[in-house]
Each structure stands twice: as structure tokens, then as C-alpha cells.
Amino acid sequence: MTKKLVEMSKENLLINIADVNSFLLDDTRCSKEQKEEIIGTLWGINQIKGRNWVFSHDWKEYIIDEYNEHNDFIKTYTFKV
């Protein structure tokens, strides 16, 4: 499985739902519905034992990468801006 690579920097990586929520509230490109979908996806991942995620963003999309308890990549969720 090939994972889409995004240029990552500390400025566009978030690992805390509160930080993601604050970022999306301040991002005028993100609609209320899209924000709710992204936060809902993060809560859903958090409900699965041993799962974690990393949120990243660029000018075209918001990206959530999901990992298992061994930090193995599971899946990418992509939300177009």
C-alpha cells in the first residue's frame, strides 16, 4: 500500500483534538460541517483501543493518518479544502 506523502513541518502537524479544533475554528476555509466531520473522525479513531492519529494540513486538504498500537500505518482520511 502506498501512502501519500505530504511535506510535514511542526506547523502543520497536530496530535491533540483540542488543538485540531482550535486550528479548524480559526481556518476560514473550513466549513462548520467539515469541521464536525473531521472532529468526529478523530473521536472515532480515539474510541478504538490502541489506535492513534496525526492530523496534518496543506492548502488543498486536511489529512488524518491512523496508526495502530505498534505505530503501523492503518489508513489515511483526506478532506478536501
C-alpha atoms as a PDB file:
ATOM      1  CA  MET A   1       0.000   0.000   0.000  1.00  0.00           C
ATOM      2  CA  THR A   2       1.402   3.387  -0.969  1.00  0.00           C
ATOM      3  CA  LYS A   3       0.828   6.263   1.403  1.00  0.00           C
ATOM      4  CA  LYS A   4       0.503   9.769   0.016  1.00  0.00           C
ATOM      5  CA  LEU A   5       3.408  11.886   1.218  1.00  0.00           C
ATOM      6  CA  VAL A   6       2.810  15.427   2.444  1.00  0.00           C
ATOM      7  CA  GLU A   7       5.577  17.839   3.267  1.00  0.00           C
ATOM      8  CA  MET A   8       5.435  17.844   7.055  1.00  0.00           C
ATOM      9  CA  SER A   9       6.617  20.503   9.442  1.00  0.00           C
ATOM     10  CA  LYS A  10       5.854  21.263  13.075  1.00  0.00           C
ATOM     11  CA  GLU A  11       3.450  23.987  11.927  1.00  0.00           C
ATOM     12  CA  ASN A  12       1.111  21.613  10.094  1.00  0.00           C
ATOM     13  CA  LEU A  13       1.140  18.542  12.380  1.00  0.00           C
ATOM     14  CA  LEU A  14      -1.310  18.225  15.255  1.00  0.00           C
ATOM     15  CA  ILE A  15      -1.862  15.258  17.615  1.00  0.00           C
ATOM     16  CA  ASN A  16      -4.424  16.665  20.060  1.00  0.00           C
ATOM     17  CA  ILE A  17      -8.153  17.024  19.334  1.00  0.00           C
ATOM     18  CA  ALA A  18      -8.340  20.361  21.177  1.00  0.00           C
ATOM     19  CA  ASP A  19      -5.507  21.725  19.012  1.00  0.00           C
ATOM     20  CA  VAL A  20      -7.165  20.453  15.828  1.00  0.00           C
ATOM     21  CA  ASN A  21     -10.471  22.005  16.904  1.00  0.00           C
ATOM     22  CA  SER A  22      -8.797  25.376  17.585  1.00  0.00           C
ATOM     23  CA  PHE A  23      -6.979  25.257  14.266  1.00  0.00           C
ATOM     24  CA  LEU A  24     -10.183  24.474  12.344  1.00  0.00           C
ATOM     25  CA  LEU A  25     -12.136  27.211  14.165  1.00  0.00           C
ATOM     26  CA  ASP A  26      -9.519  29.740  13.051  1.00  0.00           C
ATOM     27  CA  ASP A  27      -9.295  28.395   9.483  1.00  0.00           C
ATOM     28  CA  THR A  28     -11.854  30.327   7.426  1.00  0.00           C
ATOM     29  CA  ARG A  29     -11.600  27.752   4.615  1.00  0.00           C
ATOM     30  CA  CYS A  30     -13.179  25.048   6.797  1.00  0.00           C
ATOM     31  CA  SER A  31     -16.980  24.915   6.966  1.00  0.00           C
ATOM     32  CA  LYS A  32     -18.803  24.039  10.178  1.00  0.00           C
ATOM     33  CA  GLU A  33     -19.962  20.750   8.635  1.00  0.00           C
ATOM     34  CA  GLN A  34     -16.456  19.807   7.546  1.00  0.00           C
ATOM     35  CA  LYS A  35     -15.065  20.678  10.990  1.00  0.00           C
ATOM     36  CA  GLU A  36     -17.675  18.421  12.612  1.00  0.00           C
ATOM     37  CA  GLU A  37     -16.807  15.583  10.213  1.00  0.00           C
ATOM     38  CA  ILE A  38     -13.075  15.885  10.931  1.00  0.00           C
ATOM     39  CA  ILE A  39     -13.522  16.066  14.715  1.00  0.00           C
ATOM     40  CA  GLY A  40     -15.994  13.158  14.548  1.00  0.00           C
ATOM     41  CA  THR A  41     -13.432  11.084  12.646  1.00  0.00           C
ATOM     42  CA  LEU A  42     -10.786  11.833  15.281  1.00  0.00           C
ATOM     43  CA  TRP A  43     -13.163  10.873  18.123  1.00  0.00           C
ATOM     44  CA  GLY A  44     -13.997   7.652  16.281  1.00  0.00           C
ATOM     45  CA  ILE A  45     -10.330   6.711  15.991  1.00  0.00           C
ATOM     46  CA  ASN A  46      -9.817   7.514  19.688  1.00  0.00           C
ATOM     47  CA  GLN A  47     -12.596   5.072  20.591  1.00  0.00           C
ATOM     48  CA  ILE A  48     -10.655   2.118  19.137  1.00  0.00           C
ATOM     49  CA  LYS A  49      -8.246   0.667  21.683  1.00  0.00           C
ATOM     50  CA  GLY A  50      -4.612   1.137  20.730  1.00  0.00           C
ATOM     51  CA  ARG A  51      -5.298   3.498  17.828  1.00  0.00           C
ATOM     52  CA  ASN A  52      -3.768   6.921  17.423  1.00  0.00           C
ATOM     53  CA  TRP A  53      -3.619   9.529  14.693  1.00  0.00           C
ATOM     54  CA  VAL A  54      -1.754  12.508  13.292  1.00  0.00           C
ATOM     55  CA  PHE A  55      -3.597  15.446  11.725  1.00  0.00           C
ATOM     56  CA  SER A  56      -1.838  17.468   9.034  1.00  0.00           C
ATOM     57  CA  HIS A  57      -2.903  20.097   6.551  1.00  0.00           C
ATOM     58  CA  ASP A  58      -1.811  21.947   3.463  1.00  0.00           C
ATOM     59  CA  TRP A  59      -3.564  24.452   1.218  1.00  0.00           C
ATOM     60  CA  LYS A  60      -5.601  21.773  -0.568  1.00  0.00           C
ATOM     61  CA  GLU A  61      -6.636  19.289   2.104  1.00  0.00           C
ATOM     62  CA  TYR A  62      -6.790  18.185   5.712  1.00  0.00           C
ATOM     63  CA  ILE A  63      -5.282  14.754   6.345  1.00  0.00           C
ATOM     64  CA  ILE A  64      -5.652  12.273   9.200  1.00  0.00           C
ATOM     65  CA  ASP A  65      -3.247   9.337   9.295  1.00  0.00           C
ATOM     66  CA  GLU A  66      -4.368   6.496  11.571  1.00  0.00           C
ATOM     67  CA  TYR A  67      -1.926   4.124  13.294  1.00  0.00           C
ATOM     68  CA  ASN A  68      -2.254   1.019  15.476  1.00  0.00           C
ATOM     69  CA  GLU A  69      -0.671   0.358  18.886  1.00  0.00           C
ATOM     70  CA  HIS A  70       2.584  -0.648  17.163  1.00  0.00           C
ATOM     71  CA  ASN A  71       2.653   2.632  15.217  1.00  0.00           C
ATOM     72  CA  ASP A  72       1.951   0.746  11.983  1.00  0.00           C
ATOM     73  CA  PHE A  73       0.116   2.860   9.414  1.00  0.00           C
ATOM     74  CA  ILE A  74      -3.538   1.815   9.036  1.00  0.00           C
ATOM     75  CA  LYS A  75      -5.317   4.331   6.845  1.00  0.00           C
ATOM     76  CA  THR A  76      -5.439   7.939   5.613  1.00  0.00           C
ATOM     77  CA  TYR A  77      -8.570  10.100   5.747  1.00  0.00           C
ATOM     78  CA  THR A  78      -8.480  13.052   3.343  1.00  0.00           C
ATOM     79  CA  PHE A  79     -10.778  16.076   3.475  1.00  0.00           C
ATOM     80  CA  LYS A  80     -10.581  18.494   0.539  1.00  0.00           C
ATOM     81  CA  VAL A  81     -10.476  22.202   1.376  1.00  0.00           C
END
